[in-house]
């Protein structure tokens, strides 16, 4: 197993993530550091990185170096973006960083930065048509893609720090400054021809610290039951409410907002004004926040080199294998349980009458039903619930993640976490409870039919006759253990499907 570090030196902050790279193109983040350095501050007039900002950046990078050494990191990918890219004293800064910190910073071109950002998003979100928006301290990036291909992108030379500085005026109220920034952004974006021509079904995707803070504020206001940034949707009306609430406050009052980091309070309104500007130009009904961006794009590019040419086709499948490897699951057994679960889902469709949207839920639950064994075998189904609901799983919505956790917990007798269900009523639908109970029984039987983990049961055919379901199995070898174990689900099957269960 290889350890890598990815360092992203931006205009506002510098971040580092440490990750284990597993076999087969998978990676898992195990540590992260972030410091606000404001490297791009006060560059507007002369394009020079200021000594105080350089000193702070170097101090932070030395700290990062220490953590890399302590963790015996094998490879370090250190990149700098817009502030360093346009700095007139770029060379002296890069030399100082290498001499004092041992990091050879790569200054990404606008094209390279856009592509790495796109890689982070496209390999972690199932959104076929998107407009990616990244607001840094000194730039605003827009990347338009369709069918997993970049169509257009632009890097505009203003961001949350530079806009805050540009429109700073002590004679104006905070909301008046916000209105001026919003008007400026709206005017700038309205002049981009390809942006105005974007199709109405394109979705807005937000990347970066300002969007993460927006999502956190939104979740706290909604008392959202899941603490998950990635793939979190913010409806247009809710964003406007937050914008209207924040833009009238001065910096001191903004610092008291729950969910907003203190290091971003003074520039947050500028970032929100940028988002409002894009919504003035295009009537997006909501925005989706991505927890994956530039750093994840660099990790994907290294761990899965083929993503440089073509994105991951099965985002969910790749993410599931990553977690199964990390939690040391028996992958062959998990795949067999998924195979049998899908056979049962199809064979029992006349009884369960569940739409196809629940297939993804069953896939996640069946593949990760044993993830909790990494914690403890006894009651591992309960631990699997916790693992799934707190996992960074790509390719699923928050609702699907919650439902999969409950289905996985039900693969043992009396395993359904009934006491937990009401906690997630803001995410789930009323009909989901019945679906989870039915899928839980399907998963339990499927797991029983691979009790010896030998993939002996090949085919399942179900006949619905009167008040009974006759489940016929085509097997290789002796499957008496599997059939005996599956029959322990008879009571749960009767309760869920109102039919007696017989297995041959």
Foldseek 3Di string as FASTA:
>chain_A
DAKEKEWEAEQFKIKIWIWDQDPPQFIDTDDMDMDTLNQQAPCVPPLARDPSSLVSVLVVLQVVLVVCVVVVHDYYAAEYEDSLVRHPCNVVSQVVSCVRRVDRYHYDDPVRQVQLQLQQPVLFAPFQWAWEWEATQFWIKTWTDHRQGTDDIDIGGGHLNRLLVVLDDPVDALLVSLVVLLVVLLVVQLPPVVLLVDDQSYAYEYEDDLLQLVLQLLCVVVVALAPDQAFDKDFPVNLVVVLVVLSRDALVVQCPRPSDDNSCSSRNSSNSSNVVSSCVSHVHRIYTYHPTGNRSSVSSCVSPVCVVPPHDPDSQVSQLVNLCVVLVHPQLLLVQLLVQLVQCCVQCCVQLVDDPVCNLLLNSLSSQLQSQVSVPPVLSNLSSLVDQSNDSGGDDHNLSSNLSSQLSQLLDVVRRPVVCVVSNPVRDDPCSVLVSLQSSLSSNLSSLQCVVVPSFFDHWHWDDDDQAIEIETDGDDDRPRSQVSSQVSQVSCCVSRVHGYHYD
